[in-house]
Amino acid sequence: MVYDPRYRRHREVKAAGRRDSPNTILNAPMAGVAPESYRISAIISGNPMSSTQTPGVREVSLGTRPRSEREFILPGDPQYAEIAMLDAFTFKRYLDRTFWYPRREVLRFEVRAMPSPTGSIYDVVALVAAGEGEAWFSEAAVPARWDYVAISETSHGLSKMQAAKLKSEGKLPADYVPFGDDGPVLDHSHLENPEEVDLRRWDVVNRVREASRQRRTAGCAAAGALSPGGNSQ
C-alpha cells in the first residue's frame, strides 16, 4: 500500500463518523452522493456504445451482474424485467462503492434499457471521462462476484418479489408483511467490512496519484526537451 500523508485527513473524517472520498483527499470539489433514483438512464436503439457517445467520454458495457455471477433468468422470461432491474441497480450501487462514489463528470455508472424483439434488455454502462476518469476507473477493479452487501440487497429484493407473487396468487394474506420488510429495497452499504472499504478507497487514491505522477514526469521531460540545453532542434 502506498502511503499518502493526506490519509490523515481521511482518518480524522472517519473518526468523526463522516464519509470521505478522493474528491476531498485529492482537493477536488465534493459533489456528494445522491440517493439512488431507481430510474433507467436511457432507452436507446441499436448499439449502446455509439448512439449516446459524448466527446471525450469512453463507454464500457458491464452487464447487469458481476462477470462471474451466472445469469439465472433470460430475456423473454415474464420475470426478466423485474429481476434484471434489481440486479442492474444493485450492481450500479456496488460499482459506486467499489470506485468510491466518483464525481459524475469524472466517472459514472448508468442503467440502460435497450429494445429487443423479446423486450427491453438491461445493461450497466460505465461512462469514463478522459484524463482523471481514466485514472479513476480500472476494468480490472470491476468486481467479479457479488459481495455481502450486494447479496443482502438482492436477497431482500427477491423476497419482496416472491411475497408480492404469493399475495397475487392468494397464497398469502393481502395484509401479510414479512419480518424485517421495511419498504423498498434499501442500500445495505452499512454492512460493508471497514477494511474492504479502506482497501477500495486506497486503490482509487493510488491510481489517481500514479496518473498524476506520470503526467508530471511527462511534463518535465517535455519541458527539458524544449529548454535551451535540451534536445529540441
Protein backbone atom coordinates (compact mmCIF):
# COMPACT_ATOMS: atom_id res chain seq x y z
CA MET A 1 0.00 0.00 0.00
CA VAL A 2 1.38 3.41 -0.94
CA TYR A 3 1.37 5.84 1.98
CA ASP A 4 -0.16 9.22 1.42
CA PRO A 5 0.08 11.79 4.23
CA ARG A 6 -3.29 13.12 3.11
CA TYR A 7 -4.76 9.90 4.54
CA ARG A 8 -4.57 11.67 7.91
CA ARG A 9 -7.49 13.77 6.67
CA HIS A 10 -9.47 10.61 5.95
CA ARG A 11 -8.70 9.23 9.43
CA GLU A 12 -9.94 12.47 11.02
CA VAL A 13 -13.13 12.39 8.97
CA LYS A 14 -13.67 8.70 9.70
CA ALA A 15 -13.16 9.29 13.43
CA ALA A 16 -15.82 11.97 13.27
CA GLY A 17 -18.24 9.50 11.73
CA ARG A 18 -18.37 11.07 8.27
CA ARG A 19 -17.63 9.60 4.84
CA ASP A 20 -14.70 10.99 2.89
CA SER A 21 -13.51 10.26 -0.65
CA PRO A 22 -10.67 11.02 -3.08
CA ASN A 23 -12.74 14.05 -4.07
CA THR A 24 -11.73 15.51 -0.70
CA ILE A 25 -8.31 13.91 -0.22
CA LEU A 26 -7.17 14.98 -3.68
CA ASN A 27 -8.56 18.51 -3.20
CA ALA A 28 -11.26 18.12 -5.84
CA PRO A 29 -14.76 19.53 -5.30
CA MET A 30 -17.06 17.15 -3.45
CA ALA A 31 -20.31 16.51 -5.28
CA GLY A 32 -21.83 14.31 -2.57
CA VAL A 33 -23.64 11.02 -3.02
CA ALA A 34 -27.12 11.42 -4.39
CA PRO A 35 -29.79 8.89 -3.35
CA GLU A 36 -30.49 6.13 -5.86
CA SER A 37 -33.12 7.37 -8.30
CA TYR A 38 -34.18 3.90 -9.48
CA ARG A 39 -34.69 5.44 -12.91
CA ILE A 40 -33.42 3.99 -16.17
CA SER A 41 -30.92 6.49 -17.53
CA ALA A 42 -31.52 5.93 -21.22
CA ILE A 43 -33.62 3.91 -23.62
CA ILE A 44 -31.80 3.68 -26.90
CA SER A 45 -31.85 1.68 -30.10
CA GLY A 46 -29.00 -0.02 -31.88
CA ASN A 47 -25.53 -0.10 -30.40
CA PRO A 48 -25.47 1.46 -26.89
CA MET A 49 -21.74 2.10 -27.25
CA SER A 50 -22.17 4.54 -30.10
CA SER A 51 -25.61 6.12 -30.07
CA THR A 52 -25.11 8.15 -26.88
CA GLN A 53 -21.39 8.80 -27.10
CA THR A 54 -20.19 12.11 -25.69
CA PRO A 55 -16.89 13.54 -26.95
CA GLY A 56 -14.09 12.70 -24.53
CA VAL A 57 -16.13 10.00 -22.77
CA ARG A 58 -15.49 6.28 -23.14
CA GLU A 59 -18.36 3.88 -22.53
CA VAL A 60 -17.82 0.39 -21.11
CA SER A 61 -20.65 -2.16 -21.07
CA LEU A 62 -20.54 -4.16 -17.81
CA GLY A 63 -23.75 -6.23 -17.90
CA THR A 64 -26.28 -6.39 -15.07
CA ARG A 65 -24.23 -8.64 -12.77
CA PRO A 66 -20.55 -9.22 -11.95
CA ARG A 67 -18.97 -11.26 -14.75
CA SER A 68 -18.54 -14.46 -12.69
CA GLU A 69 -22.15 -14.49 -11.45
CA ARG A 70 -24.37 -16.73 -13.57
CA GLU A 71 -27.47 -15.28 -15.19
CA PHE A 72 -30.37 -17.36 -13.92
CA ILE A 73 -33.11 -15.67 -15.92
CA LEU A 74 -33.02 -14.81 -19.62
CA PRO A 75 -34.64 -12.03 -21.68
CA GLY A 76 -38.18 -13.03 -22.63
CA ASP A 77 -38.94 -14.61 -19.27
CA PRO A 78 -42.01 -12.99 -17.62
CA GLN A 79 -39.90 -12.04 -14.58
CA TYR A 80 -36.85 -10.88 -16.53
CA ALA A 81 -37.57 -7.14 -16.32
CA GLU A 82 -38.08 -7.12 -12.54
CA ILE A 83 -35.07 -9.29 -11.74
CA ALA A 84 -32.76 -7.69 -14.32
CA MET A 85 -33.56 -4.21 -12.99
CA LEU A 86 -32.98 -5.38 -9.41
CA ASP A 87 -29.62 -6.85 -10.45
CA ALA A 88 -28.67 -3.80 -12.50
CA PHE A 89 -29.35 -1.23 -9.79
CA THR A 90 -27.66 -3.43 -7.18
CA PHE A 91 -24.62 -3.72 -9.46
CA LYS A 92 -24.63 0.06 -10.04
CA ARG A 93 -24.57 0.71 -6.28
CA TYR A 94 -21.82 -1.90 -5.91
CA LEU A 95 -19.74 -0.14 -8.58
CA ASP A 96 -20.28 3.22 -6.90
CA ARG A 97 -18.96 1.71 -3.67
CA THR A 98 -16.06 -0.03 -5.41
CA PHE A 99 -14.94 3.19 -7.13
CA TRP A 100 -15.60 5.33 -4.05
CA TYR A 101 -18.56 7.40 -5.25
CA PRO A 102 -16.82 9.28 -8.10
CA ARG A 103 -17.90 12.72 -9.29
CA ARG A 104 -20.35 12.34 -12.15
CA GLU A 105 -18.30 14.41 -14.57
CA VAL A 106 -15.31 12.10 -13.97
CA LEU A 107 -16.91 8.64 -13.84
CA ARG A 108 -20.48 7.46 -13.53
CA PHE A 109 -22.47 4.28 -13.93
CA GLU A 110 -25.83 4.20 -15.71
CA VAL A 111 -28.53 1.56 -16.04
CA ARG A 112 -29.78 1.40 -19.61
CA ALA A 113 -32.67 -0.37 -21.31
CA MET A 114 -32.11 -1.45 -24.89
CA PRO A 115 -35.07 -2.55 -27.07
CA SER A 116 -35.03 -6.08 -28.47
CA PRO A 117 -37.57 -8.47 -30.04
CA THR A 118 -38.10 -10.07 -26.61
CA GLY A 119 -38.48 -6.73 -24.79
CA SER A 120 -36.02 -4.41 -23.12
CA ILE A 121 -32.59 -5.79 -22.23
CA TYR A 122 -30.81 -4.07 -19.36
CA ASP A 123 -27.17 -3.14 -19.01
CA VAL A 124 -24.94 -1.17 -16.65
CA VAL A 125 -22.61 1.15 -18.55
CA ALA A 126 -19.55 2.98 -17.19
CA LEU A 127 -19.05 6.47 -18.64
CA VAL A 128 -15.35 7.25 -18.25
CA ALA A 129 -14.13 10.79 -18.89
CA ALA A 130 -10.74 11.29 -20.50
CA GLY A 131 -7.92 12.19 -18.12
CA GLU A 132 -8.99 11.88 -14.50
CA GLY A 133 -11.79 9.45 -15.33
CA GLU A 134 -9.38 7.04 -16.99
CA ALA A 135 -7.17 7.22 -13.88
CA TRP A 136 -10.13 6.72 -11.53
CA PHE A 137 -11.61 3.75 -13.42
CA SER A 138 -9.99 0.37 -13.96
CA GLU A 139 -11.69 -2.53 -15.72
CA ALA A 140 -9.51 -4.88 -13.67
CA ALA A 141 -11.08 -3.43 -10.50
CA VAL A 142 -14.67 -4.18 -11.62
CA PRO A 143 -15.95 -6.82 -9.16
CA ALA A 144 -16.22 -10.37 -10.49
CA ARG A 145 -18.56 -11.61 -7.74
CA TRP A 146 -21.24 -10.12 -5.52
CA ASP A 147 -20.10 -9.03 -2.08
CA TYR A 148 -22.07 -9.46 1.14
CA VAL A 149 -23.78 -6.08 0.76
CA ALA A 150 -24.97 -6.83 -2.80
CA ILE A 151 -26.17 -10.31 -1.81
CA SER A 152 -28.16 -8.77 1.04
CA GLU A 153 -29.76 -6.25 -1.30
CA THR A 154 -30.68 -8.78 -4.00
CA SER A 155 -31.98 -11.24 -1.40
CA HIS A 156 -34.19 -8.54 0.05
CA GLY A 157 -35.47 -7.60 -3.39
CA LEU A 158 -36.16 -11.19 -4.43
CA SER A 159 -38.01 -11.92 -1.17
CA LYS A 160 -40.24 -8.90 -1.78
CA MET A 161 -40.96 -10.10 -5.33
CA GLN A 162 -41.84 -13.58 -4.06
CA ALA A 163 -44.14 -12.19 -1.35
CA ALA A 164 -45.93 -10.00 -3.91
CA LYS A 165 -46.35 -13.00 -6.25
CA LEU A 166 -47.78 -15.20 -3.49
CA LYS A 167 -50.18 -12.42 -2.44
CA SER A 168 -51.41 -12.02 -6.03
CA GLU A 169 -52.00 -15.80 -6.19
CA GLY A 170 -53.95 -15.75 -2.93
CA LYS A 171 -51.39 -17.91 -1.16
CA LEU A 172 -50.60 -15.18 1.37
CA PRO A 173 -53.00 -12.79 3.12
CA ALA A 174 -53.19 -9.38 1.46
CA ASP A 175 -52.01 -7.72 4.68
CA TYR A 176 -49.07 -10.08 5.17
CA VAL A 177 -45.80 -8.26 5.91
CA PRO A 178 -42.61 -10.38 6.11
CA PHE A 179 -40.46 -9.93 9.20
CA GLY A 180 -37.88 -7.23 8.54
CA ASP A 181 -39.60 -5.93 5.41
CA ASP A 182 -39.37 -2.17 5.77
CA GLY A 183 -40.40 -0.87 2.37
CA PRO A 184 -38.30 -0.52 -0.79
CA VAL A 185 -35.05 -2.39 -1.31
CA LEU A 186 -32.62 -0.38 0.80
CA ASP A 187 -28.96 0.49 0.48
CA HIS A 188 -27.18 -2.05 2.70
CA SER A 189 -23.74 -0.40 2.45
CA HIS A 190 -23.62 -0.04 6.25
CA LEU A 191 -22.91 -3.79 6.30
CA GLU A 192 -19.59 -3.37 4.48
CA ASN A 193 -16.38 -4.58 6.10
CA PRO A 194 -14.47 -1.37 7.03
CA GLU A 195 -11.16 -2.94 5.97
CA GLU A 196 -12.55 -3.66 2.49
CA VAL A 197 -13.83 -0.09 2.28
CA ASP A 198 -10.34 1.22 3.06
CA LEU A 199 -8.70 -1.07 0.50
CA ARG A 200 -11.08 0.08 -2.24
CA ARG A 201 -10.54 3.69 -1.27
CA TRP A 202 -6.78 3.30 -1.43
CA ASP A 203 -6.98 1.54 -4.79
CA VAL A 204 -8.63 4.66 -6.22
CA VAL A 205 -6.31 7.10 -4.46
CA ASN A 206 -3.21 5.26 -5.65
CA ARG A 207 -4.44 5.05 -9.27
CA VAL A 208 -5.14 8.78 -9.33
CA ARG A 209 -1.81 9.60 -7.68
CA GLU A 210 0.12 7.38 -10.11
CA ALA A 211 -1.59 9.02 -13.09
CA SER A 212 -0.72 12.43 -11.65
CA ARG A 213 2.91 11.37 -11.18
CA GLN A 214 3.12 10.14 -14.77
CA ARG A 215 1.70 13.45 -16.07
CA ARG A 216 4.27 15.42 -14.05
CA THR A 217 7.08 13.19 -15.33
CA ALA A 218 5.94 13.60 -18.92
CA GLY A 219 5.63 17.36 -18.44
CA CYS A 220 9.14 17.65 -17.02
CA ALA A 221 10.53 15.57 -19.89
CA ALA A 222 8.77 17.76 -22.44
CA ALA A 223 9.99 20.93 -20.73
CA GLY A 224 13.55 19.59 -20.71
CA ALA A 225 13.41 18.77 -24.39
CA LEU A 226 12.28 22.33 -25.22
CA SER A 227 14.80 24.10 -22.97
CA PRO A 228 17.96 25.73 -24.46
CA GLY A 229 20.03 22.82 -23.23
CA GLY A 230 17.51 20.22 -24.40
CA ASN A 231 17.44 18.05 -27.47
CA SER A 232 14.86 20.06 -29.48
CA GLN A 233 16.07 21.33 -32.83
